[in-house]
Amino acid sequence: MSIIVQKKKGESKDDIIGKFRRLCLEEDIADEVKKRTAYIKPSEIRYAKKKIVVWRDKCRRRAKNSRRHDVKR
């Protein structure tokens, strides 16, 4: 995947650099480079996935409980 930024009439070098930077941020290129340069142990990957699952479950339970209390009687 390549990012191409073309200069349009009336744009300065700073504008082009800003466009390139925004495109890199949108594509999460810096995060991908960081992931690929450092080795992550498989146990750390499993721990991170488990942490996300626990967080989602917690949010779902919280949302379910808030809906239960919103009912007027």
C-alpha atoms as a PDB file:
ATOM      1  CA  MET A   1       0.000   0.000   0.000  1.00  0.00           C
ATOM      2  CA  SER A   2       1.436   3.321  -0.984  1.00  0.00           C
ATOM      3  CA  ILE A   3       0.402   6.844  -0.145  1.00  0.00           C
ATOM      4  CA  ILE A   4       0.592   9.345  -2.959  1.00  0.00           C
ATOM      5  CA  VAL A   5       0.087  13.050  -2.379  1.00  0.00           C
ATOM      6  CA  GLN A   6       0.027  15.225  -5.457  1.00  0.00           C
ATOM      7  CA  LYS A   7       0.675  18.931  -5.396  1.00  0.00           C
ATOM      8  CA  LYS A   8      -2.205  21.085  -6.532  1.00  0.00           C
ATOM      9  CA  LYS A   9      -1.979  24.636  -7.772  1.00  0.00           C
ATOM     10  CA  GLY A  10      -1.393  27.096  -4.948  1.00  0.00           C
ATOM     11  CA  GLU A  11      -0.352  24.534  -2.291  1.00  0.00           C
ATOM     12  CA  SER A  12       2.809  25.037  -0.312  1.00  0.00           C
ATOM     13  CA  LYS A  13       5.227  22.349   0.834  1.00  0.00           C
ATOM     14  CA  ASP A  14       3.798  22.569   4.335  1.00  0.00           C
ATOM     15  CA  ASP A  15       0.299  21.838   3.009  1.00  0.00           C
ATOM     16  CA  ILE A  16       1.541  18.753   1.193  1.00  0.00           C
ATOM     17  CA  ILE A  17       3.422  17.502   4.245  1.00  0.00           C
ATOM     18  CA  GLY A  18       0.284  18.045   6.345  1.00  0.00           C
ATOM     19  CA  LYS A  19      -1.816  16.044   3.875  1.00  0.00           C
ATOM     20  CA  PHE A  20       0.722  13.223   3.935  1.00  0.00           C
ATOM     21  CA  ARG A  21       0.793  13.226   7.725  1.00  0.00           C
ATOM     22  CA  ARG A  22      -3.020  13.093   7.952  1.00  0.00           C
ATOM     23  CA  LEU A  23      -3.176  10.206   5.492  1.00  0.00           C
ATOM     24  CA  CYS A  24      -0.566   8.314   7.519  1.00  0.00           C
ATOM     25  CA  LEU A  25      -2.597   8.871  10.697  1.00  0.00           C
ATOM     26  CA  GLU A  26      -5.800   7.693   9.005  1.00  0.00           C
ATOM     27  CA  GLU A  27      -4.129   4.511   7.802  1.00  0.00           C
ATOM     28  CA  ASP A  28      -2.451   3.857  11.204  1.00  0.00           C
ATOM     29  CA  ILE A  29       0.914   3.377   9.533  1.00  0.00           C
ATOM     30  CA  ALA A  30       2.921   4.486  12.565  1.00  0.00           C
ATOM     31  CA  ASP A  31       1.150   1.938  14.781  1.00  0.00           C
ATOM     32  CA  GLU A  32       1.770  -0.819  12.239  1.00  0.00           C
ATOM     33  CA  VAL A  33       5.469   0.032  12.027  1.00  0.00           C
ATOM     34  CA  LYS A  34       5.724   0.039  15.808  1.00  0.00           C
ATOM     35  CA  LYS A  35       4.056  -3.390  15.972  1.00  0.00           C
ATOM     36  CA  ARG A  36       6.344  -4.873  13.347  1.00  0.00           C
ATOM     37  CA  THR A  37       9.611  -3.546  14.776  1.00  0.00           C
ATOM     38  CA  ALA A  38       9.155  -4.894  18.299  1.00  0.00           C
ATOM     39  CA  TYR A  39       8.613  -8.563  19.106  1.00  0.00           C
ATOM     40  CA  ILE A  40       5.545  -9.271  21.201  1.00  0.00           C
ATOM     41  CA  LYS A  41       5.422 -12.534  23.062  1.00  0.00           C
ATOM     42  CA  PRO A  42       2.414 -14.762  22.268  1.00  0.00           C
ATOM     43  CA  SER A  43       1.384 -14.695  25.926  1.00  0.00           C
ATOM     44  CA  GLU A  44       1.195 -10.890  25.814  1.00  0.00           C
ATOM     45  CA  ILE A  45      -1.018 -11.070  22.724  1.00  0.00           C
ATOM     46  CA  ARG A  46      -3.362 -13.538  24.454  1.00  0.00           C
ATOM     47  CA  TYR A  47      -3.457 -11.354  27.565  1.00  0.00           C
ATOM     48  CA  ALA A  48      -4.364  -8.270  25.507  1.00  0.00           C
ATOM     49  CA  LYS A  49      -7.172 -10.135  23.712  1.00  0.00           C
ATOM     50  CA  LYS A  50      -8.530 -11.431  27.011  1.00  0.00           C
ATOM     51  CA  LYS A  51      -8.431  -7.930  28.477  1.00  0.00           C
ATOM     52  CA  ILE A  52     -10.511  -6.615  25.550  1.00  0.00           C
ATOM     53  CA  VAL A  53     -13.082  -9.403  25.979  1.00  0.00           C
ATOM     54  CA  VAL A  54     -13.426  -8.684  29.691  1.00  0.00           C
ATOM     55  CA  TRP A  55     -13.820  -4.951  29.015  1.00  0.00           C
ATOM     56  CA  ARG A  56     -16.552  -5.552  26.396  1.00  0.00           C
ATOM     57  CA  ASP A  57     -18.407  -7.886  28.746  1.00  0.00           C
ATOM     58  CA  LYS A  58     -18.241  -5.287  31.496  1.00  0.00           C
ATOM     59  CA  CYS A  59     -19.655  -2.613  29.162  1.00  0.00           C
ATOM     60  CA  ARG A  60     -22.460  -4.918  28.011  1.00  0.00           C
ATOM     61  CA  ARG A  61     -23.447  -5.748  31.582  1.00  0.00           C
ATOM     62  CA  ARG A  62     -23.404  -2.058  32.501  1.00  0.00           C
ATOM     63  CA  ALA A  63     -25.622  -1.195  29.504  1.00  0.00           C
ATOM     64  CA  LYS A  64     -27.998  -4.052  30.279  1.00  0.00           C
ATOM     65  CA  ASN A  65     -28.343  -2.952  33.907  1.00  0.00           C
ATOM     66  CA  SER A  66     -28.952   0.672  32.941  1.00  0.00           C
ATOM     67  CA  ARG A  67     -31.750  -0.340  30.570  1.00  0.00           C
ATOM     68  CA  ARG A  68     -33.354  -2.359  33.335  1.00  0.00           C
ATOM     69  CA  HIS A  69     -33.519   0.663  35.663  1.00  0.00           C
ATOM     70  CA  ASP A  70     -34.807   3.088  33.033  1.00  0.00           C
ATOM     71  CA  VAL A  71     -38.272   1.494  32.967  1.00  0.00           C
ATOM     72  CA  LYS A  72     -40.845   3.660  34.775  1.00  0.00           C
ATOM     73  CA  ARG A  73     -43.304   1.821  36.991  1.00  0.00           C
END
